[in-house]
Amino acid sequence: MFEFFGFDPKTLSNEELFEKQLVLTTKKMIAARVGKVNAVNQLQFMITAIEFERRERMFNDRIGSVMLASSPVVIETDVGLQKQETSEEEPKKAQKEQRPIRRAIRTSKPVTSQ
């Protein structure tokens, strides 16, 4: 999601993420006082990346495993495994295609609705 050269929050442990977020927050506060807008924006993006990674890990640890266990995902790769259902829609479509198209009758008077 985020692209920073030399910084990947997925490689850090939970404790390292927490410590890195504290360090970056203090650096951002110092940069905000000095007035370097580009540095503040870059640090904020890095802090946001860390927060996103921490939220994603908490979700996977607490809720993700329960959701995956309750609703397993089945992916069918073989066409022969699919159920072949005969539907009544196909004959109806064939009947509709055989009907001739009727054209609207043109009159010289405008048509008004009553």
N, C-alpha and C. Protein backbone atom coordinates (compact mmCIF):
# COMPACT_ATOMS: atom_id res chain seq x y z
N MET A 1 0.82 -1.19 0.00
CA MET A 1 0.00 0.00 0.00
C MET A 1 0.86 1.25 0.00
N PHE A 2 1.88 1.27 0.85
CA PHE A 2 2.75 2.43 0.95
C PHE A 2 4.11 2.07 0.39
N GLU A 3 4.74 3.00 -0.30
CA GLU A 3 6.05 2.75 -0.88
C GLU A 3 7.04 3.75 -0.31
N PHE A 4 7.92 3.27 0.56
CA PHE A 4 8.98 4.09 1.12
C PHE A 4 10.27 3.32 0.92
N PHE A 5 11.28 3.98 0.41
CA PHE A 5 12.54 3.31 0.16
C PHE A 5 13.22 3.00 1.49
N GLY A 6 13.50 1.73 1.72
CA GLY A 6 14.17 1.31 2.94
C GLY A 6 13.28 1.20 4.16
N PHE A 7 11.97 1.35 3.98
CA PHE A 7 11.06 1.27 5.13
C PHE A 7 9.88 0.41 4.74
N ASP A 8 9.77 -0.74 5.40
CA ASP A 8 8.64 -1.64 5.18
C ASP A 8 8.11 -2.07 6.54
N PRO A 9 6.92 -1.57 6.93
CA PRO A 9 6.41 -1.91 8.26
C PRO A 9 6.07 -3.39 8.43
N LYS A 10 5.92 -4.13 7.33
CA LYS A 10 5.59 -5.55 7.45
C LYS A 10 6.76 -6.37 7.96
N THR A 11 7.98 -5.86 7.82
CA THR A 11 9.15 -6.60 8.27
C THR A 11 9.42 -6.42 9.76
N LEU A 12 8.77 -5.45 10.40
CA LEU A 12 9.01 -5.17 11.81
C LEU A 12 8.08 -5.97 12.70
N SER A 13 8.53 -6.24 13.92
CA SER A 13 7.68 -6.93 14.89
C SER A 13 6.72 -5.92 15.52
N ASN A 14 5.82 -6.41 16.34
CA ASN A 14 4.83 -5.52 16.97
C ASN A 14 5.50 -4.50 17.88
N GLU A 15 6.50 -4.92 18.66
CA GLU A 15 7.20 -4.00 19.55
C GLU A 15 7.99 -2.97 18.76
N GLU A 16 8.64 -3.43 17.69
CA GLU A 16 9.40 -2.51 16.85
C GLU A 16 8.48 -1.49 16.17
N LEU A 17 7.30 -1.93 15.77
CA LEU A 17 6.35 -0.99 15.18
C LEU A 17 5.95 0.08 16.18
N PHE A 18 5.67 -0.32 17.41
CA PHE A 18 5.27 0.64 18.44
C PHE A 18 6.39 1.64 18.72
N GLU A 19 7.63 1.14 18.86
CA GLU A 19 8.76 2.02 19.12
C GLU A 19 9.03 2.95 17.94
N LYS A 20 8.93 2.42 16.73
CA LYS A 20 9.16 3.22 15.53
C LYS A 20 8.11 4.32 15.40
N GLN A 21 6.87 4.02 15.76
CA GLN A 21 5.81 5.02 15.70
C GLN A 21 6.10 6.15 16.69
N LEU A 22 6.57 5.82 17.89
CA LEU A 22 6.91 6.85 18.87
C LEU A 22 8.05 7.73 18.38
N VAL A 23 9.09 7.11 17.82
CA VAL A 23 10.24 7.87 17.32
C VAL A 23 9.82 8.79 16.18
N LEU A 24 9.02 8.27 15.25
CA LEU A 24 8.60 9.08 14.11
C LEU A 24 7.67 10.21 14.55
N THR A 25 6.87 9.98 15.57
CA THR A 25 5.97 11.02 16.06
C THR A 25 6.78 12.17 16.68
N THR A 26 7.81 11.84 17.44
CA THR A 26 8.64 12.90 18.01
C THR A 26 9.39 13.66 16.92
N LYS A 27 9.88 12.95 15.91
CA LYS A 27 10.55 13.62 14.78
C LYS A 27 9.58 14.52 14.03
N LYS A 28 8.33 14.07 13.90
CA LYS A 28 7.34 14.89 13.21
C LYS A 28 7.05 16.17 13.98
N MET A 29 6.99 16.06 15.30
CA MET A 29 6.75 17.26 16.12
C MET A 29 7.90 18.25 15.99
N ILE A 30 9.13 17.74 15.97
CA ILE A 30 10.29 18.63 15.81
C ILE A 30 10.28 19.27 14.43
N ALA A 31 9.97 18.49 13.39
CA ALA A 31 9.92 19.03 12.03
C ALA A 31 8.80 20.06 11.88
N ALA A 32 7.71 19.86 12.60
CA ALA A 32 6.60 20.82 12.53
C ALA A 32 7.00 22.14 13.17
N ARG A 33 7.80 22.09 14.23
CA ARG A 33 8.25 23.33 14.88
C ARG A 33 9.24 24.09 14.01
N VAL A 34 10.13 23.34 13.33
CA VAL A 34 11.14 23.98 12.50
C VAL A 34 10.49 24.56 11.24
N GLY A 35 9.47 23.89 10.73
CA GLY A 35 8.74 24.41 9.58
C GLY A 35 9.03 23.71 8.28
N LYS A 36 9.52 22.48 8.32
CA LYS A 36 9.78 21.74 7.09
C LYS A 36 8.53 20.93 6.74
N VAL A 37 7.76 21.42 5.81
CA VAL A 37 6.48 20.81 5.46
C VAL A 37 6.68 19.45 4.79
N ASN A 38 7.67 19.34 3.90
CA ASN A 38 7.90 18.06 3.21
C ASN A 38 8.27 16.97 4.19
N ALA A 39 9.09 17.31 5.17
CA ALA A 39 9.50 16.32 6.18
C ALA A 39 8.30 15.90 7.02
N VAL A 40 7.45 16.85 7.38
CA VAL A 40 6.27 16.53 8.18
C VAL A 40 5.34 15.61 7.40
N ASN A 41 5.13 15.90 6.13
CA ASN A 41 4.26 15.05 5.30
C ASN A 41 4.82 13.63 5.17
N GLN A 42 6.13 13.52 4.93
CA GLN A 42 6.74 12.20 4.78
C GLN A 42 6.64 11.41 6.08
N LEU A 43 6.91 12.06 7.19
CA LEU A 43 6.81 11.38 8.48
C LEU A 43 5.37 10.96 8.78
N GLN A 44 4.42 11.81 8.42
CA GLN A 44 3.01 11.46 8.65
C GLN A 44 2.60 10.26 7.81
N PHE A 45 3.09 10.19 6.57
CA PHE A 45 2.80 9.02 5.73
C PHE A 45 3.38 7.74 6.34
N MET A 46 4.58 7.85 6.88
CA MET A 46 5.20 6.68 7.50
C MET A 46 4.44 6.26 8.76
N ILE A 47 3.99 7.23 9.55
CA ILE A 47 3.21 6.92 10.75
C ILE A 47 1.88 6.28 10.36
N THR A 48 1.27 6.77 9.29
CA THR A 48 0.02 6.19 8.81
C THR A 48 0.23 4.76 8.34
N ALA A 49 1.36 4.50 7.69
CA ALA A 49 1.66 3.13 7.25
C ALA A 49 1.82 2.20 8.44
N ILE A 50 2.47 2.69 9.50
CA ILE A 50 2.64 1.86 10.70
C ILE A 50 1.29 1.60 11.36
N GLU A 51 0.45 2.63 11.47
CA GLU A 51 -0.88 2.45 12.06
C GLU A 51 -1.71 1.46 11.27
N PHE A 52 -1.65 1.55 9.95
CA PHE A 52 -2.39 0.62 9.09
C PHE A 52 -1.91 -0.81 9.31
N GLU A 53 -0.60 -1.00 9.40
CA GLU A 53 -0.05 -2.34 9.61
C GLU A 53 -0.45 -2.89 10.98
N ARG A 54 -0.44 -2.04 11.99
CA ARG A 54 -0.83 -2.49 13.33
C ARG A 54 -2.31 -2.87 13.37
N ARG A 55 -3.17 -2.06 12.71
CA ARG A 55 -4.60 -2.40 12.66
C ARG A 55 -4.84 -3.70 11.91
N GLU A 56 -4.11 -3.89 10.82
CA GLU A 56 -4.27 -5.11 10.03
C GLU A 56 -3.84 -6.34 10.83
N ARG A 57 -2.76 -6.22 11.59
CA ARG A 57 -2.30 -7.34 12.41
C ARG A 57 -3.29 -7.65 13.53
N MET A 58 -3.83 -6.60 14.15
CA MET A 58 -4.82 -6.83 15.21
C MET A 58 -6.06 -7.50 14.65
N PHE A 59 -6.50 -7.09 13.47
CA PHE A 59 -7.66 -7.70 12.85
C PHE A 59 -7.39 -9.17 12.56
N ASN A 60 -6.23 -9.46 11.99
CA ASN A 60 -5.91 -10.85 11.65
C ASN A 60 -5.77 -11.71 12.90
N ASP A 61 -5.24 -11.14 13.98
CA ASP A 61 -5.07 -11.92 15.21
C ASP A 61 -6.39 -12.18 15.91
N ARG A 62 -7.26 -11.19 15.95
CA ARG A 62 -8.50 -11.31 16.74
C ARG A 62 -9.69 -11.79 15.94
N ILE A 63 -9.94 -11.17 14.82
CA ILE A 63 -11.19 -11.42 14.09
C ILE A 63 -10.97 -12.26 12.84
N GLY A 64 -9.85 -12.06 12.17
CA GLY A 64 -9.62 -12.71 10.88
C GLY A 64 -9.66 -14.21 10.94
N SER A 65 -9.05 -14.80 11.97
CA SER A 65 -9.02 -16.26 12.06
C SER A 65 -10.42 -16.82 12.29
N VAL A 66 -11.24 -16.12 13.08
CA VAL A 66 -12.62 -16.58 13.34
C VAL A 66 -13.45 -16.49 12.07
N MET A 67 -13.29 -15.39 11.32
CA MET A 67 -14.06 -15.23 10.08
C MET A 67 -13.66 -16.27 9.04
N LEU A 68 -12.37 -16.54 8.92
CA LEU A 68 -11.93 -17.53 7.94
C LEU A 68 -12.36 -18.93 8.31
N ALA A 69 -12.40 -19.23 9.60
CA ALA A 69 -12.82 -20.56 10.04
C ALA A 69 -14.33 -20.75 9.86
N SER A 70 -15.11 -19.68 10.02
CA SER A 70 -16.56 -19.81 9.93
C SER A 70 -17.04 -19.86 8.48
N SER A 71 -16.32 -19.26 7.57
CA SER A 71 -16.75 -19.27 6.17
C SER A 71 -15.56 -19.63 5.28
N PRO A 72 -15.33 -20.91 5.08
CA PRO A 72 -14.20 -21.30 4.23
C PRO A 72 -14.46 -20.94 2.77
N VAL A 73 -13.41 -20.60 2.10
CA VAL A 73 -13.50 -20.21 0.70
C VAL A 73 -13.14 -21.43 -0.15
N VAL A 74 -14.03 -21.78 -1.07
CA VAL A 74 -13.79 -22.90 -1.97
C VAL A 74 -13.66 -22.35 -3.38
N ILE A 75 -12.56 -22.66 -4.02
CA ILE A 75 -12.33 -22.20 -5.38
C ILE A 75 -12.31 -23.42 -6.28
N GLU A 76 -13.22 -23.47 -7.24
CA GLU A 76 -13.28 -24.58 -8.17
C GLU A 76 -12.45 -24.25 -9.39
N THR A 77 -11.48 -25.08 -9.67
CA THR A 77 -10.63 -24.83 -10.82
C THR A 77 -10.97 -25.75 -11.99
N ASP A 78 -11.67 -26.84 -11.73
CA ASP A 78 -12.03 -27.78 -12.78
C ASP A 78 -13.46 -27.48 -13.22
N VAL A 79 -13.66 -27.30 -14.51
CA VAL A 79 -14.98 -26.97 -15.02
C VAL A 79 -15.94 -28.13 -14.80
N GLY A 80 -15.45 -29.35 -14.81
CA GLY A 80 -16.29 -30.52 -14.64
C GLY A 80 -16.88 -30.65 -13.24
N LEU A 81 -16.33 -29.93 -12.26
CA LEU A 81 -16.84 -30.01 -10.89
C LEU A 81 -18.09 -29.15 -10.67
N GLN A 82 -18.34 -28.22 -11.55
CA GLN A 82 -19.49 -27.34 -11.39
C GLN A 82 -20.78 -28.09 -11.68
N LYS A 83 -21.81 -27.72 -10.96
CA LYS A 83 -23.13 -28.33 -11.20
C LYS A 83 -23.69 -27.80 -12.50
N GLN A 84 -24.18 -28.72 -13.30
CA GLN A 84 -24.79 -28.30 -14.56
C GLN A 84 -26.29 -28.26 -14.37
N GLU A 85 -26.82 -27.07 -14.42
CA GLU A 85 -28.25 -26.87 -14.21
C GLU A 85 -28.92 -26.55 -15.53
N THR A 86 -30.04 -27.16 -15.75
CA THR A 86 -30.81 -26.83 -16.94
C THR A 86 -31.85 -25.80 -16.51
N SER A 87 -31.80 -24.70 -17.16
CA SER A 87 -32.73 -23.63 -16.79
C SER A 87 -33.76 -23.45 -17.89
N GLU A 88 -34.87 -22.86 -17.52
CA GLU A 88 -35.95 -22.63 -18.47
C GLU A 88 -35.75 -21.33 -19.23
N GLU A 89 -34.73 -20.56 -18.87
CA GLU A 89 -34.51 -19.28 -19.53
C GLU A 89 -34.00 -19.46 -20.96
N GLU A 90 -33.22 -20.49 -21.19
CA GLU A 90 -32.66 -20.69 -22.52
C GLU A 90 -33.73 -20.93 -23.58
N PRO A 91 -34.76 -21.80 -23.34
CA PRO A 91 -35.80 -21.94 -24.37
C PRO A 91 -36.60 -20.65 -24.56
N LYS A 92 -36.81 -19.90 -23.49
CA LYS A 92 -37.55 -18.64 -23.63
C LYS A 92 -36.77 -17.65 -24.48
N LYS A 93 -35.46 -17.62 -24.33
CA LYS A 93 -34.66 -16.72 -25.14
C LYS A 93 -34.72 -17.12 -26.60
N ALA A 94 -34.73 -18.42 -26.85
CA ALA A 94 -34.79 -18.89 -28.23
C ALA A 94 -36.12 -18.50 -28.86
N GLN A 95 -37.22 -18.56 -28.09
CA GLN A 95 -38.51 -18.17 -28.63
C GLN A 95 -38.56 -16.69 -28.91
N LYS A 96 -37.96 -15.89 -28.07
CA LYS A 96 -37.98 -14.44 -28.29
C LYS A 96 -37.18 -14.07 -29.52
N GLU A 97 -36.13 -14.77 -29.80
CA GLU A 97 -35.32 -14.46 -30.96
C GLU A 97 -36.02 -14.80 -32.27
N GLN A 98 -36.98 -15.74 -32.27
CA GLN A 98 -37.66 -16.16 -33.49
C GLN A 98 -38.77 -15.19 -33.89
N ARG A 99 -39.20 -14.35 -32.97
CA ARG A 99 -40.29 -13.43 -33.30
C ARG A 99 -39.80 -12.34 -34.24
N PRO A 100 -40.63 -11.97 -35.22
CA PRO A 100 -40.24 -10.86 -36.10
C PRO A 100 -40.39 -9.52 -35.36
N ILE A 101 -39.61 -8.58 -35.75
CA ILE A 101 -39.65 -7.26 -35.13
C ILE A 101 -40.73 -6.44 -35.82
N ARG A 102 -41.64 -5.90 -35.01
CA ARG A 102 -42.67 -5.03 -35.58
C ARG A 102 -42.22 -3.58 -35.46
N ARG A 103 -42.42 -2.85 -36.52
CA ARG A 103 -42.02 -1.45 -36.52
C ARG A 103 -43.20 -0.58 -36.14
N ALA A 104 -42.88 0.53 -35.53
CA ALA A 104 -43.94 1.47 -35.14
C ALA A 104 -44.54 2.12 -36.38
N ILE A 105 -45.84 2.35 -36.31
CA ILE A 105 -46.54 2.97 -37.42
C ILE A 105 -46.33 4.48 -37.33
N ARG A 106 -45.91 5.07 -38.45
CA ARG A 106 -45.68 6.51 -38.46
C ARG A 106 -46.92 7.23 -38.96
N THR A 107 -47.26 8.27 -38.25
CA THR A 107 -48.41 9.08 -38.65
C THR A 107 -47.96 10.52 -38.81
N SER A 108 -48.78 11.29 -39.50
CA SER A 108 -48.42 12.69 -39.70
C SER A 108 -48.80 13.52 -38.47
N LYS A 109 -49.70 13.01 -37.64
CA LYS A 109 -50.13 13.72 -36.45
C LYS A 109 -49.28 13.29 -35.25
N PRO A 110 -48.99 14.20 -34.32
CA PRO A 110 -48.25 13.81 -33.13
C PRO A 110 -49.11 12.95 -32.23
N VAL A 111 -48.50 11.99 -31.59
CA VAL A 111 -49.21 11.09 -30.68
C VAL A 111 -49.23 11.72 -29.29
N THR A 112 -50.42 11.79 -28.73
CA THR A 112 -50.57 12.35 -27.38
C THR A 112 -51.12 11.27 -26.46
N SER A 113 -50.70 11.34 -25.23
CA SER A 113 -51.21 10.35 -24.28
C SER A 113 -52.44 10.92 -23.58
N GLN A 114 -53.38 10.05 -23.27
CA GLN A 114 -54.62 10.53 -22.68
C GLN A 114 -54.68 10.23 -21.22
